[in-house]
């Protein structure tokens, strides 16, 4: 069976992800490198693991999380759709079973808020994992005076963690925002739709989504 380590060591995948991150950087987007891919991979797999899903589903969530932004090598626009198609072909060449490819492709193709839906467990975990990675380490712009709202919000986020509260049947996103850099309201300006998407994804996993910012429960 194809594993996350197999995916990480695939030269074609490495090349597309590296180049996609370079292309986004040239357009002023935040970091979408293997750092982001690895974090999303870990969070998505941890969500399913902590909720008691099978070992293989946990591994597939890790793979989907790692590959979810590979479509940026073609274009930022509809990169989820492009990434799903690219992943289908690559994973087939790697020998993955078709039913597993289908799960991963649908998860990648549904991770963006413009059109995404939690169509399966892996897609639901990926949505939450991707939307929770807000952190100053993703800001590439070095000139604070020229920060746009995305730069400010990410730079102000000093900590972002997902906690699976099994007893409460909840998935909690806990964020620490430095309000001297940006007010909490700016976070909601760019993330409100994404948080609603996370709530829908958590419900698919039979849990509630909770948002805590600076120790205050907001959702």
Protein backbone atom coordinates (compact mmCIF):
# COMPACT_ATOMS: atom_id res chain seq x y z
CA UNK A 1 0.00 0.00 0.00
CA UNK A 2 1.15 3.52 -0.82
CA UNK A 3 2.20 5.42 2.32
CA UNK A 4 2.84 9.04 3.22
CA UNK A 5 6.58 8.36 3.12
CA UNK A 6 6.23 7.07 -0.44
CA UNK A 7 4.43 10.27 -1.40
CA UNK A 8 7.01 12.51 0.29
CA UNK A 9 9.89 10.80 -1.53
CA UNK A 10 8.25 10.99 -4.99
CA UNK A 11 10.34 13.34 -7.16
CA UNK A 12 7.41 14.43 -9.34
CA UNK A 13 5.39 15.43 -6.27
CA UNK A 14 8.37 17.24 -4.74
CA UNK A 15 8.97 19.22 -7.91
CA UNK A 16 5.34 20.27 -8.41
CA UNK A 17 4.93 21.32 -4.78
CA UNK A 18 8.15 23.32 -4.74
CA UNK A 19 7.35 25.09 -7.99
CA UNK A 20 3.76 25.76 -6.96
CA UNK A 21 5.01 27.50 -3.83
CA UNK A 22 7.42 29.59 -5.90
CA UNK A 23 4.61 30.62 -8.27
CA UNK A 24 2.36 31.68 -5.38
CA UNK A 25 5.23 33.64 -3.84
CA UNK A 26 5.63 35.61 -7.05
CA UNK A 27 1.96 36.64 -6.74
CA UNK A 28 2.30 37.68 -3.09
CA UNK A 29 0.56 34.71 -1.48
CA UNK A 30 1.56 33.30 1.91
CA UNK A 31 3.74 30.18 2.18
CA UNK A 32 2.35 26.98 0.64
CA UNK A 33 5.50 24.85 0.83
CA UNK A 34 6.13 21.40 2.25
CA UNK A 35 5.95 23.09 5.67
CA UNK A 36 2.25 23.86 5.21
CA UNK A 37 1.69 20.49 3.53
CA UNK A 38 3.30 18.61 6.42
CA UNK A 39 1.34 20.52 9.06
CA UNK A 40 -1.99 19.93 7.30
CA UNK A 41 -1.06 16.27 6.79
CA UNK A 42 -0.33 15.84 10.50
CA UNK A 43 -3.46 17.65 11.70
CA UNK A 44 -5.79 15.80 9.30
CA UNK A 45 -4.43 12.40 10.29
CA UNK A 46 -4.45 13.28 14.00
CA UNK A 47 -8.12 14.29 13.82
CA UNK A 48 -9.18 10.92 12.43
CA UNK A 49 -6.80 9.02 14.72
CA UNK A 50 -8.12 10.73 17.83
CA UNK A 51 -11.70 10.10 16.75
CA UNK A 52 -11.00 6.37 16.43
CA UNK A 53 -10.99 5.90 12.66
CA UNK A 54 -9.08 3.04 11.04
CA UNK A 55 -5.31 3.12 10.62
CA UNK A 56 -5.64 3.17 6.84
CA UNK A 57 -8.10 6.10 6.85
CA UNK A 58 -5.65 7.95 9.09
CA UNK A 59 -2.87 7.31 6.54
CA UNK A 60 -5.06 8.39 3.62
CA UNK A 61 -5.90 11.62 5.46
CA UNK A 62 -2.17 12.22 5.90
CA UNK A 63 -1.59 11.70 2.16
CA UNK A 64 -4.50 13.94 1.17
CA UNK A 65 -3.27 16.63 3.55
CA UNK A 66 0.21 16.52 2.09
CA UNK A 67 -1.02 16.69 -1.52
CA UNK A 68 -3.92 19.11 -1.15
CA UNK A 69 -2.17 22.15 -2.68
CA UNK A 70 -0.25 20.41 -5.47
CA UNK A 71 -2.56 22.03 -8.04
CA UNK A 72 -0.87 25.40 -7.41
CA UNK A 73 1.79 24.28 -9.88
CA UNK A 74 -0.81 24.94 -12.61
CA UNK A 75 -2.78 27.88 -11.21
CA UNK A 76 -4.12 29.22 -7.94
CA UNK A 77 -7.55 29.42 -9.53
CA UNK A 78 -9.43 26.13 -8.93
CA UNK A 79 -6.21 24.57 -7.62
CA UNK A 80 -8.24 22.04 -5.66
CA UNK A 81 -9.76 20.66 -8.83
CA UNK A 82 -6.45 20.62 -10.68
CA UNK A 83 -4.69 19.06 -7.70
CA UNK A 84 -7.28 16.29 -7.50
CA UNK A 85 -6.74 15.34 -11.15
CA UNK A 86 -2.95 15.50 -10.83
CA UNK A 87 -3.05 13.37 -7.69
CA UNK A 88 -5.26 10.74 -9.32
CA UNK A 89 -2.73 10.16 -12.08
CA UNK A 90 0.33 10.24 -9.83
CA UNK A 91 -1.16 7.92 -7.21
CA UNK A 92 -2.29 5.51 -9.93
CA UNK A 93 1.28 5.43 -11.27
CA UNK A 94 2.46 4.69 -7.73
CA UNK A 95 0.14 1.68 -7.55
CA UNK A 96 -2.52 2.91 -5.17
CA UNK A 97 -5.88 1.13 -5.25
CA UNK A 98 -8.64 2.96 -7.12
CA UNK A 99 -11.02 3.17 -4.16
CA UNK A 100 -8.30 4.91 -2.12
CA UNK A 101 -7.45 7.26 -4.99
CA UNK A 102 -11.12 8.22 -5.19
CA UNK A 103 -11.23 9.15 -1.50
CA UNK A 104 -8.09 11.29 -1.72
CA UNK A 105 -9.08 12.97 -4.98
CA UNK A 106 -12.51 13.95 -3.66
CA UNK A 107 -10.92 15.31 -0.47
CA UNK A 108 -8.41 17.44 -2.41
CA UNK A 109 -11.10 18.59 -4.84
CA UNK A 110 -13.32 19.74 -1.96
CA UNK A 111 -10.89 21.55 0.34
CA UNK A 112 -11.49 25.12 -0.87
CA UNK A 113 -14.27 27.30 0.53
CA UNK A 114 -15.51 28.47 -2.89
CA UNK A 115 -16.96 25.04 -3.67
CA UNK A 116 -15.73 22.48 -1.14
CA UNK A 117 -17.90 20.04 0.79
CA UNK A 118 -17.07 17.39 3.43
CA UNK A 119 -17.99 14.49 1.14
CA UNK A 120 -16.15 11.84 3.17
CA UNK A 121 -14.23 11.51 6.44
CA UNK A 122 -10.90 12.34 4.80
CA UNK A 123 -12.32 15.46 3.13
CA UNK A 124 -13.80 16.63 6.44
CA UNK A 125 -10.49 16.20 8.29
CA UNK A 126 -8.59 17.93 5.47
CA UNK A 127 -10.90 20.95 5.48
CA UNK A 128 -10.39 21.53 9.21
CA UNK A 129 -6.65 20.93 9.01
CA UNK A 130 -6.10 23.29 6.09
CA UNK A 131 -8.20 26.14 7.45
CA UNK A 132 -6.56 25.96 10.86
CA UNK A 133 -2.98 26.65 9.68
CA UNK A 134 -2.77 30.36 10.38
CA UNK A 135 0.64 31.42 11.71
CA UNK A 136 3.26 34.12 11.29
CA UNK A 137 5.65 31.54 9.81
CA UNK A 138 3.56 31.61 6.63
CA UNK A 139 4.19 35.32 5.95
CA UNK A 140 6.81 35.86 3.23
CA UNK A 141 6.61 39.64 3.03
CA UNK A 142 9.44 41.10 5.12
CA UNK A 143 8.19 44.71 5.00
CA UNK A 144 5.61 45.19 7.76
CA UNK A 145 4.54 48.54 6.33
CA UNK A 146 3.35 46.83 3.14
CA UNK A 147 1.41 44.00 4.82
CA UNK A 148 -2.06 43.33 3.43
CA UNK A 149 -4.81 41.90 5.64
CA UNK A 150 -3.69 38.29 5.01
CA UNK A 151 -0.13 39.14 6.04
CA UNK A 152 -1.32 40.98 9.15
CA UNK A 153 -3.64 38.23 10.33
CA UNK A 154 -1.10 35.46 9.78
CA UNK A 155 1.72 37.48 11.35
CA UNK A 156 -0.44 38.29 14.36
CA UNK A 157 -1.22 34.60 14.93
CA UNK A 158 1.42 33.52 17.43
CA UNK A 159 -0.06 30.08 18.02
CA UNK A 160 -2.67 27.92 16.30
CA UNK A 161 -3.60 24.46 17.55
CA UNK A 162 -6.31 21.88 16.90
CA UNK A 163 -7.54 19.87 19.88
CA UNK A 164 -9.85 16.88 19.56
CA UNK A 165 -12.02 16.82 22.68
CA UNK A 166 -13.27 13.26 22.50
CA UNK A 167 -15.42 13.38 25.63
CA UNK A 168 -17.17 16.53 24.42
CA UNK A 169 -17.34 15.22 20.83
CA UNK A 170 -15.75 18.48 19.69
CA UNK A 171 -12.89 19.70 17.53
CA UNK A 172 -11.45 22.92 18.88
CA UNK A 173 -9.27 25.46 17.07
CA UNK A 174 -7.32 27.47 19.62
CA UNK A 175 -5.57 30.60 18.34
CA UNK A 176 -3.47 33.25 20.07
CA UNK A 177 -3.62 36.56 18.19
CA UNK A 178 -1.42 39.55 19.01
CA UNK A 179 -4.01 42.33 18.95
CA UNK A 180 -1.28 44.97 18.77
CA UNK A 181 -0.65 43.76 15.23
CA UNK A 182 -4.26 43.29 14.13
CA UNK A 183 -7.68 43.23 15.81
CA UNK A 184 -9.54 39.93 16.10
CA UNK A 185 -12.19 41.34 13.75
CA UNK A 186 -9.68 41.21 10.87
CA UNK A 187 -9.33 37.47 11.42
CA UNK A 188 -13.07 37.10 10.85
CA UNK A 189 -12.95 39.32 7.77
CA UNK A 190 -10.92 36.69 5.92
CA UNK A 191 -11.69 33.50 7.85
CA UNK A 192 -15.42 33.60 8.67
CA UNK A 193 -16.45 31.55 5.61
CA UNK A 194 -13.65 29.11 6.33
CA UNK A 195 -14.78 28.71 9.95
CA UNK A 196 -18.32 27.97 8.77
CA UNK A 197 -16.85 25.36 6.47
CA UNK A 198 -14.99 23.85 9.41
CA UNK A 199 -18.23 23.68 11.38
CA UNK A 200 -19.86 21.74 8.55
CA UNK A 201 -16.84 19.43 8.32
CA UNK A 202 -16.87 18.77 12.06
CA UNK A 203 -20.59 17.95 11.91
CA UNK A 204 -19.82 15.38 9.18
CA UNK A 205 -17.49 13.71 11.69
CA UNK A 206 -20.30 13.77 14.30
CA UNK A 207 -18.55 16.45 16.34
CA UNK A 208 -18.97 20.15 17.06
CA UNK A 209 -16.49 22.79 15.89
CA UNK A 210 -15.26 25.23 18.52
CA UNK A 211 -13.20 28.38 17.93
CA UNK A 212 -11.23 29.87 20.81
CA UNK A 213 -9.25 33.09 20.25
CA UNK A 214 -7.13 34.51 23.07
CA UNK A 215 -8.88 32.19 25.55
CA UNK A 216 -12.35 33.43 24.56
CA UNK A 217 -14.79 30.91 23.07
CA UNK A 218 -16.30 32.49 19.94
CA UNK A 219 -17.91 29.47 18.23
